[in-house]
């Protein structure tokens, strides 16, 4: 897998009620690399995953994969008042990286959304 990570990701199962995510930041070194993901449909649905998990094709696919509506519909809104939500989200890096393509103007070439399989 390339580093830095691609920006667009599809989960093979629902994550916080969603499947399509944007990698807004990343960090760490060697085996401790991580990626902060945010749902495309709800910016409050965010979390950090290890690069090792993101490499697992049983859990993640690079790019936004098309799927039937019944498989991609979100679940009810996230309860931001729950202690579990607060604990999980306090460690997330929520500002975009310099090469995210989300900062305008940018003097850095943005990293790709996904890499075409050959």
N, C-alpha and C. Protein backbone atom coordinates (compact mmCIF):
# COMPACT_ATOMS: atom_id res chain seq x y z
N UNK A 1 0.84 -1.18 0.00
CA UNK A 1 0.00 0.00 0.00
C UNK A 1 0.88 1.24 0.00
N UNK A 2 0.45 2.23 -0.73
CA UNK A 2 1.19 3.47 -0.82
C UNK A 2 1.04 4.27 0.48
N UNK A 3 2.04 5.07 0.76
CA UNK A 3 1.99 6.00 1.88
C UNK A 3 2.39 7.35 1.34
N UNK A 4 1.65 8.40 1.53
CA UNK A 4 0.45 8.47 2.35
C UNK A 4 -0.73 7.74 1.73
N UNK A 5 -1.75 7.45 2.54
CA UNK A 5 -2.88 6.65 2.08
C UNK A 5 -3.77 7.40 1.09
N UNK A 6 -4.49 6.64 0.30
CA UNK A 6 -5.49 7.22 -0.61
C UNK A 6 -6.55 7.93 0.22
N UNK A 7 -7.34 8.78 -0.44
CA UNK A 7 -8.34 9.56 0.29
C UNK A 7 -9.70 8.88 0.36
N UNK A 8 -10.09 8.12 -0.63
CA UNK A 8 -11.42 7.52 -0.67
C UNK A 8 -11.38 6.05 -0.26
N UNK A 9 -12.28 5.65 0.67
CA UNK A 9 -12.31 4.28 1.16
C UNK A 9 -13.75 3.82 1.35
N UNK A 10 -13.96 2.53 1.06
CA UNK A 10 -15.26 1.90 1.29
C UNK A 10 -15.06 0.76 2.28
N UNK A 11 -15.86 0.76 3.33
CA UNK A 11 -15.81 -0.32 4.31
C UNK A 11 -16.65 -1.48 3.80
N UNK A 12 -16.22 -2.69 4.05
CA UNK A 12 -16.98 -3.87 3.63
C UNK A 12 -18.18 -4.12 4.55
N UNK A 13 -18.21 -3.42 5.69
CA UNK A 13 -19.35 -3.50 6.60
C UNK A 13 -19.65 -2.10 7.11
N UNK A 14 -20.82 -1.91 7.69
CA UNK A 14 -21.17 -0.60 8.21
C UNK A 14 -20.23 -0.20 9.34
N UNK A 15 -19.76 1.03 9.31
CA UNK A 15 -18.94 1.61 10.36
C UNK A 15 -19.65 2.87 10.81
N UNK A 16 -20.10 2.87 12.03
CA UNK A 16 -20.87 4.00 12.56
C UNK A 16 -22.06 4.29 11.66
N UNK A 17 -22.57 3.25 11.01
CA UNK A 17 -23.75 3.38 10.17
C UNK A 17 -23.47 3.75 8.73
N UNK A 18 -22.22 3.84 8.32
CA UNK A 18 -21.88 4.26 6.97
C UNK A 18 -20.82 3.34 6.36
N UNK A 19 -20.65 3.48 5.03
CA UNK A 19 -19.66 2.66 4.33
C UNK A 19 -18.60 3.46 3.59
N UNK A 20 -18.92 4.69 3.18
CA UNK A 20 -18.00 5.48 2.37
C UNK A 20 -17.35 6.56 3.21
N UNK A 21 -15.99 6.61 3.14
CA UNK A 21 -15.22 7.50 4.01
C UNK A 21 -14.13 8.23 3.24
N UNK A 22 -13.70 9.37 3.82
CA UNK A 22 -12.58 10.15 3.31
C UNK A 22 -11.50 10.13 4.37
N UNK A 23 -10.27 9.87 3.93
CA UNK A 23 -9.12 9.93 4.84
C UNK A 23 -8.69 11.39 4.91
N UNK A 24 -8.91 12.03 6.08
CA UNK A 24 -8.59 13.44 6.18
C UNK A 24 -7.21 13.69 6.77
N UNK A 25 -6.66 12.71 7.48
CA UNK A 25 -5.33 12.88 8.03
C UNK A 25 -4.72 11.51 8.29
N UNK A 26 -3.42 11.51 8.55
CA UNK A 26 -2.69 10.27 8.76
C UNK A 26 -1.42 10.59 9.52
N UNK A 27 -0.82 9.58 10.09
CA UNK A 27 0.41 9.81 10.82
C UNK A 27 1.01 8.51 11.32
N UNK A 28 1.97 8.66 12.23
CA UNK A 28 2.66 7.50 12.79
C UNK A 28 3.83 7.08 11.93
N UNK A 29 4.53 6.08 12.42
CA UNK A 29 5.69 5.56 11.71
C UNK A 29 5.68 4.04 11.71
N UNK A 30 6.19 3.47 10.65
CA UNK A 30 6.35 2.03 10.50
C UNK A 30 5.06 1.28 10.85
N UNK A 31 5.10 0.40 11.85
CA UNK A 31 3.91 -0.42 12.17
C UNK A 31 2.87 0.34 12.99
N UNK A 32 3.17 1.58 13.39
CA UNK A 32 2.21 2.37 14.17
C UNK A 32 1.51 3.44 13.33
N UNK A 33 1.47 3.27 12.02
CA UNK A 33 0.80 4.24 11.16
C UNK A 33 -0.71 4.15 11.34
N UNK A 34 -1.38 5.30 11.23
CA UNK A 34 -2.82 5.38 11.40
C UNK A 34 -3.40 6.34 10.37
N UNK A 35 -4.73 6.24 10.19
CA UNK A 35 -5.46 7.10 9.25
C UNK A 35 -6.75 7.53 9.94
N UNK A 36 -7.06 8.84 9.89
CA UNK A 36 -8.33 9.36 10.40
C UNK A 36 -9.33 9.39 9.25
N UNK A 37 -10.47 8.75 9.45
CA UNK A 37 -11.51 8.67 8.43
C UNK A 37 -12.76 9.41 8.89
N UNK A 38 -13.46 10.03 7.92
CA UNK A 38 -14.70 10.73 8.18
C UNK A 38 -15.71 10.24 7.14
N UNK A 39 -16.94 9.99 7.58
CA UNK A 39 -17.99 9.56 6.65
C UNK A 39 -18.26 10.64 5.62
N UNK A 40 -18.50 10.22 4.39
CA UNK A 40 -18.85 11.14 3.32
C UNK A 40 -20.20 11.79 3.61
N UNK A 41 -21.11 11.06 4.25
CA UNK A 41 -22.46 11.56 4.49
C UNK A 41 -22.65 12.27 5.82
N UNK A 42 -21.78 12.04 6.79
CA UNK A 42 -21.95 12.64 8.11
C UNK A 42 -20.58 12.90 8.73
N UNK A 43 -20.18 14.16 8.79
CA UNK A 43 -18.88 14.53 9.32
C UNK A 43 -18.70 14.19 10.79
N UNK A 44 -19.78 13.87 11.49
CA UNK A 44 -19.68 13.49 12.90
C UNK A 44 -19.29 12.02 13.06
N UNK A 45 -19.42 11.26 11.99
CA UNK A 45 -19.04 9.84 12.02
C UNK A 45 -17.58 9.75 11.62
N UNK A 46 -16.71 9.75 12.61
CA UNK A 46 -15.28 9.77 12.35
C UNK A 46 -14.56 8.86 13.33
N UNK A 47 -13.42 8.35 12.88
CA UNK A 47 -12.63 7.46 13.72
C UNK A 47 -11.26 7.29 13.12
N UNK A 48 -10.40 6.66 13.88
CA UNK A 48 -9.03 6.40 13.44
C UNK A 48 -8.86 4.89 13.29
N UNK A 49 -8.20 4.47 12.21
CA UNK A 49 -7.88 3.06 12.02
C UNK A 49 -6.39 2.92 11.78
N UNK A 50 -5.88 1.76 12.11
CA UNK A 50 -4.47 1.50 11.85
C UNK A 50 -4.29 1.23 10.35
N UNK A 51 -3.10 1.48 9.86
CA UNK A 51 -2.82 1.18 8.46
C UNK A 51 -2.95 -0.32 8.21
N UNK A 52 -2.59 -1.12 9.21
CA UNK A 52 -2.72 -2.57 9.06
C UNK A 52 -4.17 -2.96 8.80
N UNK A 53 -5.12 -2.33 9.50
CA UNK A 53 -6.53 -2.64 9.27
C UNK A 53 -6.96 -2.16 7.89
N UNK A 54 -6.51 -0.97 7.48
CA UNK A 54 -6.89 -0.42 6.19
C UNK A 54 -6.37 -1.28 5.04
N UNK A 55 -5.28 -1.99 5.25
CA UNK A 55 -4.72 -2.88 4.22
C UNK A 55 -5.52 -4.16 4.06
N UNK A 56 -6.37 -4.48 5.01
CA UNK A 56 -7.11 -5.75 5.00
C UNK A 56 -8.28 -5.67 4.03
N UNK A 57 -8.23 -6.39 2.89
CA UNK A 57 -9.31 -6.33 1.90
C UNK A 57 -10.63 -6.92 2.40
N UNK A 58 -10.58 -7.65 3.51
CA UNK A 58 -11.81 -8.16 4.12
C UNK A 58 -12.56 -7.03 4.83
N UNK A 59 -11.86 -5.91 5.12
CA UNK A 59 -12.46 -4.80 5.86
C UNK A 59 -12.59 -3.52 5.04
N UNK A 60 -11.62 -3.26 4.15
CA UNK A 60 -11.59 -1.99 3.42
C UNK A 60 -11.23 -2.18 1.95
N UNK A 61 -11.81 -1.32 1.09
CA UNK A 61 -11.49 -1.28 -0.33
C UNK A 61 -11.16 0.16 -0.68
N UNK A 62 -10.06 0.36 -1.39
CA UNK A 62 -9.69 1.71 -1.81
C UNK A 62 -10.69 2.24 -2.84
N UNK A 63 -11.09 3.49 -2.69
CA UNK A 63 -12.07 4.11 -3.58
C UNK A 63 -13.47 3.95 -3.03
N UNK A 64 -14.42 4.60 -3.68
CA UNK A 64 -15.83 4.48 -3.27
C UNK A 64 -16.50 3.47 -4.19
N UNK A 65 -16.86 2.34 -3.62
CA UNK A 65 -17.46 1.26 -4.38
C UNK A 65 -18.98 1.43 -4.46
N UNK A 66 -19.53 1.19 -5.63
CA UNK A 66 -20.98 1.24 -5.79
C UNK A 66 -21.59 0.01 -5.12
N UNK A 67 -22.76 0.20 -4.50
CA UNK A 67 -23.45 -0.92 -3.86
C UNK A 67 -24.94 -0.63 -3.84
N UNK A 68 -25.75 -1.68 -3.68
CA UNK A 68 -27.19 -1.46 -3.62
C UNK A 68 -27.56 -0.53 -2.46
N UNK A 69 -28.60 0.28 -2.67
CA UNK A 69 -29.02 1.26 -1.68
C UNK A 69 -29.26 0.64 -0.31
N UNK A 70 -29.89 -0.53 -0.27
CA UNK A 70 -30.20 -1.15 1.03
C UNK A 70 -28.94 -1.51 1.82
N UNK A 71 -27.82 -1.69 1.13
CA UNK A 71 -26.57 -2.01 1.82
C UNK A 71 -25.81 -0.77 2.26
N UNK A 72 -26.13 0.38 1.67
CA UNK A 72 -25.35 1.58 1.96
C UNK A 72 -26.12 2.63 2.77
N UNK A 73 -27.41 2.41 3.01
CA UNK A 73 -28.19 3.40 3.77
C UNK A 73 -27.67 3.54 5.18
N UNK A 74 -27.61 4.77 5.67
CA UNK A 74 -27.12 4.99 7.03
C UNK A 74 -28.14 4.56 8.08
N UNK A 75 -27.62 4.27 9.25
CA UNK A 75 -28.45 3.96 10.40
C UNK A 75 -28.82 5.28 11.07
N UNK A 76 -29.62 5.26 12.13
CA UNK A 76 -29.98 6.51 12.81
C UNK A 76 -28.74 7.30 13.25
N UNK A 77 -28.96 8.58 13.52
CA UNK A 77 -27.87 9.49 13.89
C UNK A 77 -27.05 8.97 15.07
N UNK A 78 -25.81 9.39 15.11
CA UNK A 78 -24.88 9.00 16.17
C UNK A 78 -25.17 9.80 17.43
N UNK A 79 -25.12 9.13 18.57
CA UNK A 79 -25.33 9.79 19.86
C UNK A 79 -24.02 10.39 20.35
N UNK A 80 -23.84 11.68 20.08
CA UNK A 80 -22.60 12.37 20.45
C UNK A 80 -22.46 12.57 21.95
N UNK A 81 -23.51 12.34 22.70
CA UNK A 81 -23.44 12.53 24.15
C UNK A 81 -22.96 11.29 24.87
N UNK A 82 -22.89 10.16 24.18
CA UNK A 82 -22.47 8.93 24.85
C UNK A 82 -21.00 8.99 25.21
N UNK A 83 -20.65 8.38 26.31
CA UNK A 83 -19.26 8.38 26.76
C UNK A 83 -18.38 7.57 25.79
N UNK A 84 -18.93 6.52 25.17
CA UNK A 84 -18.17 5.72 24.22
C UNK A 84 -17.80 6.57 23.00
N UNK A 85 -18.74 7.38 22.50
CA UNK A 85 -18.47 8.24 21.34
C UNK A 85 -17.39 9.25 21.70
N UNK A 86 -17.50 9.88 22.86
CA UNK A 86 -16.52 10.88 23.28
C UNK A 86 -15.13 10.27 23.42
N UNK A 87 -15.05 9.10 24.03
CA UNK A 87 -13.75 8.45 24.24
C UNK A 87 -13.10 8.08 22.91
N UNK A 88 -13.88 7.59 21.97
CA UNK A 88 -13.34 7.16 20.68
C UNK A 88 -12.90 8.34 19.83
N UNK A 89 -13.60 9.46 19.94
CA UNK A 89 -13.34 10.58 19.07
C UNK A 89 -12.37 11.61 19.62
N UNK A 90 -12.00 11.53 20.86
CA UNK A 90 -11.08 12.53 21.40
C UNK A 90 -9.67 12.36 20.87
N UNK A 91 -9.31 11.17 20.36
CA UNK A 91 -7.96 10.96 19.86
C UNK A 91 -7.85 11.19 18.35
N UNK A 92 -8.95 11.50 17.69
CA UNK A 92 -8.89 11.70 16.24
C UNK A 92 -8.26 13.03 15.88
N UNK A 93 -7.52 13.02 14.80
CA UNK A 93 -6.92 14.23 14.26
C UNK A 93 -7.90 14.76 13.22
N UNK A 94 -8.61 15.83 13.53
CA UNK A 94 -9.73 16.24 12.69
C UNK A 94 -9.42 17.35 11.70
N UNK A 95 -8.20 17.85 11.69
CA UNK A 95 -7.87 18.84 10.68
C UNK A 95 -7.29 18.11 9.47
N UNK A 96 -7.56 18.63 8.27
CA UNK A 96 -7.06 17.96 7.08
C UNK A 96 -5.55 18.07 6.94
N UNK A 97 -4.94 17.05 6.37
CA UNK A 97 -3.50 17.08 6.10
C UNK A 97 -3.22 18.06 4.96
N UNK A 98 -2.00 18.50 4.84
CA UNK A 98 -1.63 19.47 3.80
C UNK A 98 -1.86 18.93 2.40
N UNK A 99 -1.74 17.62 2.21
CA UNK A 99 -1.91 17.04 0.87
C UNK A 99 -3.29 16.40 0.68
N UNK A 100 -4.25 16.76 1.52
CA UNK A 100 -5.59 16.17 1.42
C UNK A 100 -6.36 16.68 0.20
N UNK A 101 -5.99 17.84 -0.32
CA UNK A 101 -6.76 18.44 -1.41
C UNK A 101 -7.96 19.19 -0.88
N UNK A 102 -8.10 19.25 0.45
CA UNK A 102 -9.25 19.91 1.07
C UNK A 102 -8.91 21.32 1.56
N UNK A 103 -7.64 21.71 1.45
CA UNK A 103 -7.21 23.04 1.85
C UNK A 103 -7.03 23.89 0.60
N UNK A 104 -7.70 25.04 0.56
CA UNK A 104 -7.63 25.90 -0.62
C UNK A 104 -7.17 27.27 -0.17
N UNK A 105 -6.19 27.90 -0.76
CA UNK A 105 -5.32 27.35 -1.80
C UNK A 105 -4.29 26.40 -1.21
N UNK A 106 -3.75 25.55 -2.04
CA UNK A 106 -2.76 24.59 -1.58
C UNK A 106 -1.53 24.67 -2.47
N UNK A 107 -0.38 24.66 -1.84
CA UNK A 107 0.88 24.68 -2.60
C UNK A 107 1.44 23.27 -2.77
N UNK A 108 0.73 22.28 -2.23
CA UNK A 108 1.17 20.89 -2.26
C UNK A 108 0.27 20.11 -3.21
N UNK A 109 0.86 19.23 -4.02
CA UNK A 109 0.04 18.37 -4.88
C UNK A 109 -0.76 17.41 -4.01
N UNK A 110 -2.08 17.33 -4.23
CA UNK A 110 -2.88 16.42 -3.40
C UNK A 110 -2.60 14.96 -3.72
N UNK A 111 -2.73 14.11 -2.71
CA UNK A 111 -2.54 12.68 -2.93
C UNK A 111 -3.79 12.13 -3.63
N UNK A 112 -3.67 10.97 -4.25
CA UNK A 112 -4.79 10.44 -5.04
C UNK A 112 -5.95 9.95 -4.18
N UNK A 113 -7.13 9.97 -4.78
CA UNK A 113 -8.31 9.44 -4.09
C UNK A 113 -8.20 7.93 -3.96
N UNK A 114 -7.76 7.28 -5.02
CA UNK A 114 -7.54 5.84 -4.99
C UNK A 114 -6.61 5.48 -6.12
N UNK A 115 -6.03 4.31 -6.03
CA UNK A 115 -5.11 3.84 -7.06
C UNK A 115 -5.83 2.76 -7.87
N UNK A 116 -5.82 2.91 -9.17
CA UNK A 116 -6.45 1.93 -10.05
C UNK A 116 -5.77 0.57 -9.90
N UNK A 117 -6.57 -0.48 -9.80
CA UNK A 117 -5.99 -1.84 -9.77
C UNK A 117 -5.58 -2.20 -11.18
N UNK A 118 -4.46 -2.86 -11.28
CA UNK A 118 -3.95 -3.21 -12.61
C UNK A 118 -4.05 -4.69 -12.85
